[in-house]
Amino acid sequence: MEYDVKAMNRLKRIDGQLRGVLRMMDEGKDCKDVITQLSAIRSGVDRTIGVIVADNLVECLKENEGNDEKMNAVVEEAINLVVKSR
């Protein structure tokens, strides 16, 4: 699968946020601020998972168009990936 540039950019942004949190911890910043940033990171990861699963789902559905059994299996797998990620 080829990954969308948007998904990769999201992960680069998350990487920067994570480094920022580590810096905040080194500097002894207030725990509320650290938790706020960690929550933003978690939300970003969740959204990235959604983007990747959705893109993959569209690709797989196109590949299996006309084969209802395969398409249903692909949708079920995508749902399981999202549920597993929580």
PDB file of N, CA and C in Angstrom:
ATOM      1  N   MET A   1       0.838  -1.178   0.000  1.00  0.00           N
ATOM      2  CA  MET A   1       0.000   0.000   0.000  1.00  0.00           C
ATOM      3  C   MET A   1       0.883   1.241   0.000  1.00  0.00           C
ATOM      4  N   GLU A   2       0.502   2.201  -0.770  1.00  0.00           N
ATOM      5  CA  GLU A   2       1.179   3.498  -0.746  1.00  0.00           C
ATOM      6  C   GLU A   2       0.452   4.393   0.238  1.00  0.00           C
ATOM      7  N   TYR A   3       1.221   5.042   1.096  1.00  0.00           N
ATOM      8  CA  TYR A   3       0.622   5.887   2.117  1.00  0.00           C
ATOM      9  C   TYR A   3       0.517   7.319   1.613  1.00  0.00           C
ATOM     10  N   ASP A   4      -0.590   7.934   1.965  1.00  0.00           N
ATOM     11  CA  ASP A   4      -0.889   9.293   1.564  1.00  0.00           C
ATOM     12  C   ASP A   4       0.089  10.270   2.236  1.00  0.00           C
ATOM     13  N   VAL A   5       0.471  11.287   1.511  1.00  0.00           N
ATOM     14  CA  VAL A   5       1.386  12.303   2.039  1.00  0.00           C
ATOM     15  C   VAL A   5       0.769  12.969   3.266  1.00  0.00           C
ATOM     16  N   LYS A   6      -0.556  13.130   3.259  1.00  0.00           N
ATOM     17  CA  LYS A   6      -1.226  13.763   4.403  1.00  0.00           C
ATOM     18  C   LYS A   6      -1.015  12.948   5.673  1.00  0.00           C
ATOM     19  N   ALA A   7      -1.118  11.634   5.567  1.00  0.00           N
ATOM     20  CA  ALA A   7      -0.923  10.773   6.740  1.00  0.00           C
ATOM     21  C   ALA A   7       0.514  10.886   7.245  1.00  0.00           C
ATOM     22  N   MET A   8       1.444  10.908   6.336  1.00  0.00           N
ATOM     23  CA  MET A   8       2.851  11.025   6.733  1.00  0.00           C
ATOM     24  C   MET A   8       3.122  12.385   7.376  1.00  0.00           C
ATOM     25  N   ASN A   9       2.517  13.431   6.846  1.00  0.00           N
ATOM     26  CA  ASN A   9       2.685  14.759   7.436  1.00  0.00           C
ATOM     27  C   ASN A   9       2.079  14.818   8.835  1.00  0.00           C
ATOM     28  N   ARG A  10       0.935  14.138   9.021  1.00  0.00           N
ATOM     29  CA  ARG A  10       0.334  14.081  10.349  1.00  0.00           C
ATOM     30  C   ARG A  10       1.304  13.445  11.346  1.00  0.00           C
ATOM     31  N   LEU A  11       1.942  12.360  10.922  1.00  0.00           N
ATOM     32  CA  LEU A  11       2.881  11.674  11.814  1.00  0.00           C
ATOM     33  C   LEU A  11       4.113  12.527  12.110  1.00  0.00           C
ATOM     34  N   LYS A  12       4.555  13.301  11.139  1.00  0.00           N
ATOM     35  CA  LYS A  12       5.684  14.208  11.381  1.00  0.00           C
ATOM     36  C   LYS A  12       5.288  15.275  12.407  1.00  0.00           C
ATOM     37  N   ARG A  13       4.056  15.756  12.306  1.00  0.00           N
ATOM     38  CA  ARG A  13       3.568  16.743  13.264  1.00  0.00           C
ATOM     39  C   ARG A  13       3.497  16.120  14.667  1.00  0.00           C
ATOM     40  N   ILE A  14       3.000  14.887  14.738  1.00  0.00           N
ATOM     41  CA  ILE A  14       2.912  14.178  16.015  1.00  0.00           C
ATOM     42  C   ILE A  14       4.303  13.967  16.598  1.00  0.00           C
ATOM     43  N   ASP A  15       5.260  13.629  15.750  1.00  0.00           N
ATOM     44  CA  ASP A  15       6.642  13.459  16.195  1.00  0.00           C
ATOM     45  C   ASP A  15       7.155  14.742  16.837  1.00  0.00           C
ATOM     46  N   GLY A  16       6.880  15.869  16.215  1.00  0.00           N
ATOM     47  CA  GLY A  16       7.289  17.158  16.771  1.00  0.00           C
ATOM     48  C   GLY A  16       6.608  17.442  18.102  1.00  0.00           C
ATOM     49  N   GLN A  17       5.310  17.105  18.178  1.00  0.00           N
ATOM     50  CA  GLN A  17       4.596  17.303  19.435  1.00  0.00           C
ATOM     51  C   GLN A  17       5.185  16.441  20.544  1.00  0.00           C
ATOM     52  N   LEU A  18       5.524  15.207  20.216  1.00  0.00           N
ATOM     53  CA  LEU A  18       6.084  14.295  21.210  1.00  0.00           C
ATOM     54  C   LEU A  18       7.441  14.801  21.716  1.00  0.00           C
ATOM     55  N   ARG A  19       8.254  15.279  20.797  1.00  0.00           N
ATOM     56  CA  ARG A  19       9.536  15.856  21.211  1.00  0.00           C
ATOM     57  C   ARG A  19       9.317  17.076  22.103  1.00  0.00           C
ATOM     58  N   GLY A  20       8.272  17.839  21.774  1.00  0.00           N
ATOM     59  CA  GLY A  20       7.930  19.006  22.597  1.00  0.00           C
ATOM     60  C   GLY A  20       7.512  18.599  24.003  1.00  0.00           C
ATOM     61  N   VAL A  21       6.772  17.516  24.126  1.00  0.00           N
ATOM     62  CA  VAL A  21       6.353  17.031  25.441  1.00  0.00           C
ATOM     63  C   VAL A  21       7.578  16.591  26.253  1.00  0.00           C
ATOM     64  N   LEU A  22       8.479  15.888  25.613  1.00  0.00           N
ATOM     65  CA  LEU A  22       9.700  15.475  26.309  1.00  0.00           C
ATOM     66  C   LEU A  22      10.487  16.690  26.799  1.00  0.00           C
ATOM     67  N   ARG A  23      10.538  17.729  25.987  1.00  0.00           N
ATOM     68  CA  ARG A  23      11.228  18.959  26.367  1.00  0.00           C
ATOM     69  C   ARG A  23      10.507  19.610  27.557  1.00  0.00           C
ATOM     70  N   MET A  24       9.160  19.622  27.500  1.00  0.00           N
ATOM     71  CA  MET A  24       8.381  20.186  28.607  1.00  0.00           C
ATOM     72  C   MET A  24       8.661  19.443  29.903  1.00  0.00           C
ATOM     73  N   MET A  25       8.766  18.126  29.811  1.00  0.00           N
ATOM     74  CA  MET A  25       9.035  17.318  31.000  1.00  0.00           C
ATOM     75  C   MET A  25      10.436  17.599  31.532  1.00  0.00           C
ATOM     76  N   ASP A  26      11.407  17.720  30.635  1.00  0.00           N
ATOM     77  CA  ASP A  26      12.773  18.057  31.050  1.00  0.00           C
ATOM     78  C   ASP A  26      12.816  19.403  31.765  1.00  0.00           C
ATOM     79  N   GLU A  27      11.971  20.333  31.307  1.00  0.00           N
ATOM     80  CA  GLU A  27      11.926  21.676  31.876  1.00  0.00           C
ATOM     81  C   GLU A  27      11.045  21.756  33.119  1.00  0.00           C
ATOM     82  N   GLY A  28      10.402  20.634  33.480  1.00  0.00           N
ATOM     83  CA  GLY A  28       9.561  20.607  34.678  1.00  0.00           C
ATOM     84  C   GLY A  28       8.268  21.375  34.543  1.00  0.00           C
ATOM     85  N   LYS A  29       7.721  21.443  33.339  1.00  0.00           N
ATOM     86  CA  LYS A  29       6.456  22.166  33.113  1.00  0.00           C
ATOM     87  C   LYS A  29       5.320  21.516  33.886  1.00  0.00           C
ATOM     88  N   ASP A  30       4.271  22.270  34.089  1.00  0.00           N
ATOM     89  CA  ASP A  30       3.100  21.819  34.835  1.00  0.00           C
ATOM     90  C   ASP A  30       2.488  20.579  34.188  1.00  0.00           C
ATOM     91  N   CYS A  31       2.049  19.641  35.018  1.00  0.00           N
ATOM     92  CA  CYS A  31       1.518  18.376  34.492  1.00  0.00           C
ATOM     93  C   CYS A  31       0.264  18.598  33.645  1.00  0.00           C
ATOM     94  N   LYS A  32      -0.520  19.625  33.939  1.00  0.00           N
ATOM     95  CA  LYS A  32      -1.712  19.904  33.138  1.00  0.00           C
ATOM     96  C   LYS A  32      -1.329  20.215  31.694  1.00  0.00           C
ATOM     97  N   ASP A  33      -0.265  20.970  31.532  1.00  0.00           N
ATOM     98  CA  ASP A  33       0.200  21.310  30.182  1.00  0.00           C
ATOM     99  C   ASP A  33       0.719  20.075  29.451  1.00  0.00           C
ATOM    100  N   VAL A  34       1.419  19.216  30.169  1.00  0.00           N
ATOM    101  CA  VAL A  34       1.945  17.979  29.571  1.00  0.00           C
ATOM    102  C   VAL A  34       0.782  17.085  29.144  1.00  0.00           C
ATOM    103  N   ILE A  35      -0.204  16.924  30.028  1.00  0.00           N
ATOM    104  CA  ILE A  35      -1.360  16.084  29.718  1.00  0.00           C
ATOM    105  C   ILE A  35      -2.143  16.648  28.544  1.00  0.00           C
ATOM    106  N   THR A  36      -2.280  17.945  28.475  1.00  0.00           N
ATOM    107  CA  THR A  36      -2.979  18.577  27.345  1.00  0.00           C
ATOM    108  C   THR A  36      -2.290  18.227  26.033  1.00  0.00           C
ATOM    109  N   GLN A  37      -0.980  18.300  26.024  1.00  0.00           N
ATOM    110  CA  GLN A  37      -0.234  17.975  24.806  1.00  0.00           C
ATOM    111  C   GLN A  37      -0.306  16.487  24.481  1.00  0.00           C
ATOM    112  N   LEU A  38      -0.251  15.637  25.502  1.00  0.00           N
ATOM    113  CA  LEU A  38      -0.375  14.194  25.270  1.00  0.00           C
ATOM    114  C   LEU A  38      -1.757  13.843  24.717  1.00  0.00           C
ATOM    115  N   SER A  39      -2.775  14.530  25.194  1.00  0.00           N
ATOM    116  CA  SER A  39      -4.129  14.308  24.665  1.00  0.00           C
ATOM    117  C   SER A  39      -4.210  14.710  23.194  1.00  0.00           C
ATOM    118  N   ALA A  40      -3.543  15.808  22.852  1.00  0.00           N
ATOM    119  CA  ALA A  40      -3.513  16.243  21.452  1.00  0.00           C
ATOM    120  C   ALA A  40      -2.792  15.211  20.587  1.00  0.00           C
ATOM    121  N   ILE A  41      -1.724  14.642  21.121  1.00  0.00           N
ATOM    122  CA  ILE A  41      -0.981  13.609  20.390  1.00  0.00           C
ATOM    123  C   ILE A  41      -1.865  12.392  20.176  1.00  0.00           C
ATOM    124  N   ARG A  42      -2.565  11.962  21.229  1.00  0.00           N
ATOM    125  CA  ARG A  42      -3.442  10.800  21.109  1.00  0.00           C
ATOM    126  C   ARG A  42      -4.533  11.053  20.066  1.00  0.00           C
ATOM    127  N   SER A  43      -5.113  12.235  20.069  1.00  0.00           N
ATOM    128  CA  SER A  43      -6.129  12.573  19.070  1.00  0.00           C
ATOM    129  C   SER A  43      -5.542  12.542  17.664  1.00  0.00           C
ATOM    130  N   GLY A  44      -4.342  13.058  17.529  1.00  0.00           N
ATOM    131  CA  GLY A  44      -3.682  13.049  16.225  1.00  0.00           C
ATOM    132  C   GLY A  44      -3.408  11.643  15.728  1.00  0.00           C
ATOM    133  N   VAL A  45      -2.983  10.774  16.632  1.00  0.00           N
ATOM    134  CA  VAL A  45      -2.739   9.374  16.263  1.00  0.00           C
ATOM    135  C   VAL A  45      -4.058   8.713  15.848  1.00  0.00           C
ATOM    136  N   ASP A  46      -5.115   8.951  16.626  1.00  0.00           N
ATOM    137  CA  ASP A  46      -6.421   8.377  16.290  1.00  0.00           C
ATOM    138  C   ASP A  46      -6.898   8.835  14.912  1.00  0.00           C
ATOM    139  N   ARG A  47      -6.748  10.110  14.628  1.00  0.00           N
ATOM    140  CA  ARG A  47      -7.159  10.624  13.312  1.00  0.00           C
ATOM    141  C   ARG A  47      -6.309  10.024  12.198  1.00  0.00           C
ATOM    142  N   THR A  48      -5.026   9.857  12.457  1.00  0.00           N
ATOM    143  CA  THR A  48      -4.133   9.262  11.455  1.00  0.00           C
ATOM    144  C   THR A  48      -4.520   7.817  11.178  1.00  0.00           C
ATOM    145  N   ILE A  49      -4.838   7.073  12.220  1.00  0.00           N
ATOM    146  CA  ILE A  49      -5.310   5.701  12.036  1.00  0.00           C
ATOM    147  C   ILE A  49      -6.547   5.695  11.151  1.00  0.00           C
ATOM    148  N   GLY A  50      -7.473   6.597  11.426  1.00  0.00           N
ATOM    149  CA  GLY A  50      -8.691   6.690  10.620  1.00  0.00           C
ATOM    150  C   GLY A  50      -8.404   6.981   9.160  1.00  0.00           C
ATOM    151  N   VAL A  51      -7.490   7.896   8.912  1.00  0.00           N
ATOM    152  CA  VAL A  51      -7.131   8.254   7.530  1.00  0.00           C
ATOM    153  C   VAL A  51      -6.515   7.054   6.815  1.00  0.00           C
ATOM    154  N   ILE A  52      -5.608   6.363   7.479  1.00  0.00           N
ATOM    155  CA  ILE A  52      -4.936   5.220   6.855  1.00  0.00           C
ATOM    156  C   ILE A  52      -5.929   4.088   6.585  1.00  0.00           C
ATOM    157  N   VAL A  53      -6.772   3.786   7.565  1.00  0.00           N
ATOM    158  CA  VAL A  53      -7.763   2.719   7.377  1.00  0.00           C
ATOM    159  C   VAL A  53      -8.732   3.086   6.264  1.00  0.00           C
ATOM    160  N   ALA A  54      -9.183   4.329   6.245  1.00  0.00           N
ATOM    161  CA  ALA A  54     -10.132   4.762   5.211  1.00  0.00           C
ATOM    162  C   ALA A  54      -9.511   4.686   3.821  1.00  0.00           C
ATOM    163  N   ASP A  55      -8.281   5.159   3.686  1.00  0.00           N
ATOM    164  CA  ASP A  55      -7.611   5.103   2.385  1.00  0.00           C
ATOM    165  C   ASP A  55      -7.433   3.656   1.926  1.00  0.00           C
ATOM    166  N   ASN A  56      -7.024   2.799   2.861  1.00  0.00           N
ATOM    167  CA  ASN A  56      -6.836   1.391   2.535  1.00  0.00           C
ATOM    168  C   ASN A  56      -8.169   0.744   2.166  1.00  0.00           C
ATOM    169  N   LEU A  57      -9.216   1.092   2.881  1.00  0.00           N
ATOM    170  CA  LEU A  57     -10.538   0.535   2.603  1.00  0.00           C
ATOM    171  C   LEU A  57     -10.992   0.893   1.191  1.00  0.00           C
ATOM    172  N   VAL A  58     -10.843   2.130   0.829  1.00  0.00           N
ATOM    173  CA  VAL A  58     -11.231   2.567  -0.520  1.00  0.00           C
ATOM    174  C   VAL A  58     -10.444   1.792  -1.570  1.00  0.00           C
ATOM    175  N   GLU A  59      -9.138   1.669  -1.360  1.00  0.00           N
ATOM    176  CA  GLU A  59      -8.279   0.941  -2.298  1.00  0.00           C
ATOM    177  C   GLU A  59      -8.713  -0.525  -2.423  1.00  0.00           C
ATOM    178  N   CYS A  60      -8.960  -1.160  -1.292  1.00  0.00           N
ATOM    179  CA  CYS A  60      -9.354  -2.578  -1.299  1.00  0.00           C
ATOM    180  C   CYS A  60     -10.729  -2.782  -1.922  1.00  0.00           C
ATOM    181  N   LEU A  61     -11.645  -1.868  -1.671  1.00  0.00           N
ATOM    182  CA  LEU A  61     -12.978  -1.989  -2.263  1.00  0.00           C
ATOM    183  C   LEU A  61     -12.916  -1.858  -3.785  1.00  0.00           C
ATOM    184  N   LYS A  62     -12.082  -0.949  -4.251  1.00  0.00           N
ATOM    185  CA  LYS A  62     -11.916  -0.799  -5.706  1.00  0.00           C
ATOM    186  C   LYS A  62     -11.356  -2.074  -6.323  1.00  0.00           C
ATOM    187  N   GLU A  63     -10.388  -2.690  -5.630  1.00  0.00           N
ATOM    188  CA  GLU A  63      -9.768  -3.915  -6.132  1.00  0.00           C
ATOM    189  C   GLU A  63     -10.748  -5.074  -6.181  1.00  0.00           C
ATOM    190  N   ASN A  64     -11.716  -5.093  -5.277  1.00  0.00           N
ATOM    191  CA  ASN A  64     -12.637  -6.222  -5.162  1.00  0.00           C
ATOM    192  C   ASN A  64     -14.051  -5.892  -5.624  1.00  0.00           C
ATOM    193  N   GLU A  65     -14.180  -4.825  -6.395  1.00  0.00           N
ATOM    194  CA  GLU A  65     -15.494  -4.407  -6.882  1.00  0.00           C
ATOM    195  C   GLU A  65     -16.172  -5.548  -7.639  1.00  0.00           C
ATOM    196  N   GLY A  66     -17.423  -5.788  -7.286  1.00  0.00           N
ATOM    197  CA  GLY A  66     -18.177  -6.850  -7.939  1.00  0.00           C
ATOM    198  C   GLY A  66     -18.159  -8.161  -7.179  1.00  0.00           C
ATOM    199  N   ASN A  67     -17.262  -8.292  -6.220  1.00  0.00           N
ATOM    200  CA  ASN A  67     -17.174  -9.505  -5.413  1.00  0.00           C
ATOM    201  C   ASN A  67     -17.667  -9.159  -4.006  1.00  0.00           C
ATOM    202  N   ASP A  68     -18.978  -9.341  -3.804  1.00  0.00           N
ATOM    203  CA  ASP A  68     -19.593  -8.932  -2.543  1.00  0.00           C
ATOM    204  C   ASP A  68     -18.974  -9.613  -1.329  1.00  0.00           C
ATOM    205  N   GLU A  69     -18.629 -10.863  -1.454  1.00  0.00           N
ATOM    206  CA  GLU A  69     -18.048 -11.596  -0.327  1.00  0.00           C
ATOM    207  C   GLU A  69     -16.711 -10.984   0.085  1.00  0.00           C
ATOM    208  N   LYS A  70     -15.866 -10.709  -0.898  1.00  0.00           N
ATOM    209  CA  LYS A  70     -14.559 -10.094  -0.621  1.00  0.00           C
ATOM    210  C   LYS A  70     -14.742  -8.684  -0.058  1.00  0.00           C
ATOM    211  N   MET A  71     -15.677  -7.927  -0.642  1.00  0.00           N
ATOM    212  CA  MET A  71     -15.906  -6.552  -0.183  1.00  0.00           C
ATOM    213  C   MET A  71     -16.381  -6.547   1.270  1.00  0.00           C
ATOM    214  N   ASN A  72     -17.266  -7.465   1.621  1.00  0.00           N
ATOM    215  CA  ASN A  72     -17.731  -7.551   3.006  1.00  0.00           C
ATOM    216  C   ASN A  72     -16.579  -7.907   3.945  1.00  0.00           C
ATOM    217  N   ALA A  73     -15.697  -8.797   3.517  1.00  0.00           N
ATOM    218  CA  ALA A  73     -14.537  -9.180   4.332  1.00  0.00           C
ATOM    219  C   ALA A  73     -13.600  -7.988   4.533  1.00  0.00           C
ATOM    220  N   VAL A  74     -13.423  -7.199   3.491  1.00  0.00           N
ATOM    221  CA  VAL A  74     -12.553  -6.020   3.567  1.00  0.00           C
ATOM    222  C   VAL A  74     -13.136  -4.999   4.552  1.00  0.00           C
ATOM    223  N   VAL A  75     -14.439  -4.771   4.472  1.00  0.00           N
ATOM    224  CA  VAL A  75     -15.080  -3.821   5.388  1.00  0.00           C
ATOM    225  C   VAL A  75     -14.967  -4.322   6.825  1.00  0.00           C
ATOM    226  N   GLU A  76     -15.206  -5.609   7.028  1.00  0.00           N
ATOM    227  CA  GLU A  76     -15.098  -6.181   8.369  1.00  0.00           C
ATOM    228  C   GLU A  76     -13.685  -6.034   8.918  1.00  0.00           C
ATOM    229  N   GLU A  77     -12.691  -6.269   8.070  1.00  0.00           N
ATOM    230  CA  GLU A  77     -11.300  -6.124   8.503  1.00  0.00           C
ATOM    231  C   GLU A  77     -11.000  -4.673   8.892  1.00  0.00           C
ATOM    232  N   ALA A  78     -11.507  -3.724   8.109  1.00  0.00           N
ATOM    233  CA  ALA A  78     -11.279  -2.308   8.411  1.00  0.00           C
ATOM    234  C   ALA A  78     -11.916  -1.940   9.752  1.00  0.00           C
ATOM    235  N   ILE A  79     -13.117  -2.430   9.993  1.00  0.00           N
ATOM    236  CA  ILE A  79     -13.791  -2.156  11.265  1.00  0.00           C
ATOM    237  C   ILE A  79     -12.996  -2.748  12.416  1.00  0.00           C
ATOM    238  N   ASN A  80     -12.512  -3.969  12.245  1.00  0.00           N
ATOM    239  CA  ASN A  80     -11.715  -4.603  13.293  1.00  0.00           C
ATOM    240  C   ASN A  80     -10.437  -3.835  13.581  1.00  0.00           C
ATOM    241  N   LEU A  81      -9.811  -3.296  12.539  1.00  0.00           N
ATOM    242  CA  LEU A  81      -8.590  -2.487  12.747  1.00  0.00           C
ATOM    243  C   LEU A  81      -8.882  -1.244  13.585  1.00  0.00           C
ATOM    244  N   VAL A  82      -9.996  -0.592  13.287  1.00  0.00           N
ATOM    245  CA  VAL A  82     -10.354   0.618  14.033  1.00  0.00           C
ATOM    246  C   VAL A  82     -10.671   0.269  15.476  1.00  0.00           C
ATOM    247  N   VAL A  83     -11.443  -0.794  15.679  1.00  0.00           N
ATOM    248  CA  VAL A  83     -11.797  -1.208  17.036  1.00  0.00           C
ATOM    249  C   VAL A  83     -10.550  -1.626  17.812  1.00  0.00           C
ATOM    250  N   LYS A  84      -9.674  -2.356  17.179  1.00  0.00           N
ATOM    251  CA  LYS A  84      -8.441  -2.819  17.827  1.00  0.00           C
ATOM    252  C   LYS A  84      -7.546  -1.647  18.236  1.00  0.00           C
ATOM    253  N   SER A  85      -7.581  -0.575  17.471  1.00  0.00           N
ATOM    254  CA  SER A  85      -6.724   0.565  17.746  1.00  0.00           C
ATOM    255  C   SER A  85      -7.183   1.359  18.971  1.00  0.00           C
ATOM    256  N   ARG A  86      -8.367   1.130  19.428  1.00  0.00           N
ATOM    257  CA  ARG A  86      -8.892   1.846  20.600  1.00  0.00           C
ATOM    258  C   ARG A  86      -8.488   1.102  21.806  1.00  0.00           C
TER     259      ARG A  86
END
